[in-house]
Every structure is written in C-alpha cells, then in structure tokens.
Amino acid sequence: MTRLGRRLAIIIWPAFLVAGVLEIAVFAFVDPAAVHAPDGRPLGLSDTAIYSLAFFVFWAIVSVGCLLALRLACSAEEINAEATADA
C-alpha cells in the first residue's frame, strides 16, 4: 500500500464508521419527511435520498476532522519533509 493510500485509509475508514453511527443517532430522532431546505420549503426527496445525502454529508464532515487530527499528529519534521518532497 502506498503512503497516500495508507493515509487515505486512516482518514476515510474511521470517518465512514462514525458517519454510520451519526446517521443512526440523528434519524432515530428526526423524521426524514420533516427535513426542509434552509428557506423552509420541503426538499421533495424520498426518505432514502435524504438518508443517503445525510450520510455523505456526515462522512465528509467527519473526514475533515480526521484529516485535521492526522495533520496535528505529524511532527514539524514530517510536515517539512513532505513540503520539500513535493517541490
């Protein structure tokens, strides 16, 4: 596995698992038919589409958090080595 592939797996896999838990937690209390657009209009999507969109939004948000955690766990030397390797 390449270094990029390993880092991607470190970010994406835990984010996927947490997004699944968030999906269960949120929709245990929220009816998908009650979800509306920010301006108050109904979304006009099926329940399955709302579940899917919410999951991908949760996954993206948690992925950003995992990425930030991975970056914060790197030492200054590792970050500087990456910057010189990319140049």
C-alpha atoms as a PDB file:
ATOM      1  CA  MET A   1       0.000   0.000   0.000  1.00  0.00           C
ATOM      2  CA  THR A   2       1.355   3.392  -0.907  1.00  0.00           C
ATOM      3  CA  ARG A   3       1.847   6.154   1.633  1.00  0.00           C
ATOM      4  CA  LEU A   4      -1.043   8.144   0.151  1.00  0.00           C
ATOM      5  CA  GLY A   5      -3.299   5.065   0.186  1.00  0.00           C
ATOM      6  CA  ARG A   6      -2.445   4.375   3.811  1.00  0.00           C
ATOM      7  CA  ARG A   7      -3.169   7.957   4.850  1.00  0.00           C
ATOM      8  CA  LEU A   8      -6.408   7.929   2.901  1.00  0.00           C
ATOM      9  CA  ALA A   9      -7.458   4.726   4.669  1.00  0.00           C
ATOM     10  CA  ILE A  10      -6.559   6.270   8.046  1.00  0.00           C
ATOM     11  CA  ILE A  11      -8.878   9.184   7.260  1.00  0.00           C
ATOM     12  CA  ILE A  12     -11.733   7.583   5.331  1.00  0.00           C
ATOM     13  CA  TRP A  13     -12.375   4.358   7.263  1.00  0.00           C
ATOM     14  CA  PRO A  14     -12.936   5.835  10.760  1.00  0.00           C
ATOM     15  CA  ALA A  15     -14.945   8.665   9.196  1.00  0.00           C
ATOM     16  CA  PHE A  16     -17.154   6.077   7.468  1.00  0.00           C
ATOM     17  CA  LEU A  17     -17.810   4.272  10.744  1.00  0.00           C
ATOM     18  CA  VAL A  18     -18.603   7.479  12.648  1.00  0.00           C
ATOM     19  CA  ALA A  19     -20.868   8.702   9.825  1.00  0.00           C
ATOM     20  CA  GLY A  20     -22.841   5.474  10.153  1.00  0.00           C
ATOM     21  CA  VAL A  21     -23.247   5.985  13.890  1.00  0.00           C
ATOM     22  CA  LEU A  22     -24.270   9.624  13.351  1.00  0.00           C
ATOM     23  CA  GLU A  23     -26.817   8.516  10.756  1.00  0.00           C
ATOM     24  CA  ILE A  24     -28.392   6.111  13.231  1.00  0.00           C
ATOM     25  CA  ALA A  25     -28.339   8.660  16.062  1.00  0.00           C
ATOM     26  CA  VAL A  26     -29.803  11.540  14.052  1.00  0.00           C
ATOM     27  CA  PHE A  27     -32.540   9.622  12.290  1.00  0.00           C
ATOM     28  CA  ALA A  28     -33.597   7.889  15.492  1.00  0.00           C
ATOM     29  CA  PHE A  29     -34.994  11.305  16.461  1.00  0.00           C
ATOM     30  CA  VAL A  30     -35.580  13.063  13.111  1.00  0.00           C
ATOM     31  CA  ASP A  31     -38.208  12.038  10.573  1.00  0.00           C
ATOM     32  CA  PRO A  32     -36.693  12.394   7.061  1.00  0.00           C
ATOM     33  CA  ALA A  33     -40.022  13.725   5.789  1.00  0.00           C
ATOM     34  CA  ALA A  34     -39.713  16.605   8.274  1.00  0.00           C
ATOM     35  CA  VAL A  35     -36.372  17.779   6.825  1.00  0.00           C
ATOM     36  CA  HIS A  36     -36.740  21.052   4.935  1.00  0.00           C
ATOM     37  CA  ALA A  37     -34.459  23.349   2.942  1.00  0.00           C
ATOM     38  CA  PRO A  38     -32.990  26.374   4.771  1.00  0.00           C
ATOM     39  CA  ASP A  39     -35.703  28.603   3.277  1.00  0.00           C
ATOM     40  CA  GLY A  40     -38.454  26.379   4.733  1.00  0.00           C
ATOM     41  CA  ARG A  41     -39.515  24.591   1.547  1.00  0.00           C
ATOM     42  CA  PRO A  42     -39.826  20.795   1.613  1.00  0.00           C
ATOM     43  CA  LEU A  43     -36.921  19.082  -0.127  1.00  0.00           C
ATOM     44  CA  GLY A  44     -39.152  16.882  -2.254  1.00  0.00           C
ATOM     45  CA  LEU A  45     -36.795  13.904  -1.909  1.00  0.00           C
ATOM     46  CA  SER A  46     -37.563  10.355  -0.896  1.00  0.00           C
ATOM     47  CA  ASP A  47     -36.625   9.131   2.561  1.00  0.00           C
ATOM     48  CA  THR A  48     -33.851   7.018   1.052  1.00  0.00           C
ATOM     49  CA  ALA A  49     -32.392  10.030  -0.754  1.00  0.00           C
ATOM     50  CA  ILE A  50     -32.411  12.079   2.455  1.00  0.00           C
ATOM     51  CA  TYR A  51     -30.742   9.241   4.383  1.00  0.00           C
ATOM     52  CA  SER A  52     -28.100   8.933   1.660  1.00  0.00           C
ATOM     53  CA  LEU A  53     -27.393  12.649   1.391  1.00  0.00           C
ATOM     54  CA  ALA A  54     -27.166  12.983   5.167  1.00  0.00           C
ATOM     55  CA  PHE A  55     -24.744  10.050   5.349  1.00  0.00           C
ATOM     56  CA  PHE A  56     -22.427  11.580   2.749  1.00  0.00           C
ATOM     57  CA  VAL A  57     -22.556  14.980   4.464  1.00  0.00           C
ATOM     58  CA  PHE A  58     -21.717  13.344   7.800  1.00  0.00           C
ATOM     59  CA  TRP A  59     -18.920  11.355   6.147  1.00  0.00           C
ATOM     60  CA  ALA A  60     -17.421  14.480   4.565  1.00  0.00           C
ATOM     61  CA  ILE A  61     -17.538  16.470   7.809  1.00  0.00           C
ATOM     62  CA  VAL A  62     -16.007  13.688   9.884  1.00  0.00           C
ATOM     63  CA  SER A  63     -13.364  13.101   7.177  1.00  0.00           C
ATOM     64  CA  VAL A  64     -12.242  16.712   7.532  1.00  0.00           C
ATOM     65  CA  GLY A  65     -11.962  16.181  11.290  1.00  0.00           C
ATOM     66  CA  CYS A  66      -9.896  13.012  10.761  1.00  0.00           C
ATOM     67  CA  LEU A  67      -7.662  14.826   8.277  1.00  0.00           C
ATOM     68  CA  LEU A  68      -7.052  17.627  10.766  1.00  0.00           C
ATOM     69  CA  ALA A  69      -6.294  15.107  13.520  1.00  0.00           C
ATOM     70  CA  LEU A  70      -3.818  13.310  11.259  1.00  0.00           C
ATOM     71  CA  ARG A  71      -2.110  16.587  10.363  1.00  0.00           C
ATOM     72  CA  LEU A  72      -1.916  17.640  14.016  1.00  0.00           C
ATOM     73  CA  ALA A  73      -0.351  14.283  14.922  1.00  0.00           C
ATOM     74  CA  CYS A  74       2.531  14.897  12.473  1.00  0.00           C
ATOM     75  CA  SER A  75       5.742  16.409  13.733  1.00  0.00           C
ATOM     76  CA  ALA A  76       7.168  19.567  12.174  1.00  0.00           C
ATOM     77  CA  GLU A  77       9.929  17.479  10.612  1.00  0.00           C
ATOM     78  CA  GLU A  78       7.387  15.216   8.861  1.00  0.00           C
ATOM     79  CA  ILE A  79       5.437  18.170   7.502  1.00  0.00           C
ATOM     80  CA  ASN A  80       8.605  19.917   6.314  1.00  0.00           C
ATOM     81  CA  ALA A  81       9.845  16.679   4.693  1.00  0.00           C
ATOM     82  CA  GLU A  82       6.549  16.419   2.771  1.00  0.00           C
ATOM     83  CA  ALA A  83       6.849  20.041   1.620  1.00  0.00           C
ATOM     84  CA  THR A  84      10.364  19.513   0.274  1.00  0.00           C
ATOM     85  CA  ALA A  85       9.399  16.190  -1.358  1.00  0.00           C
ATOM     86  CA  ASP A  86       6.522  17.870  -3.208  1.00  0.00           C
ATOM     87  CA  ALA A  87       8.710  20.701  -4.543  1.00  0.00           C
END
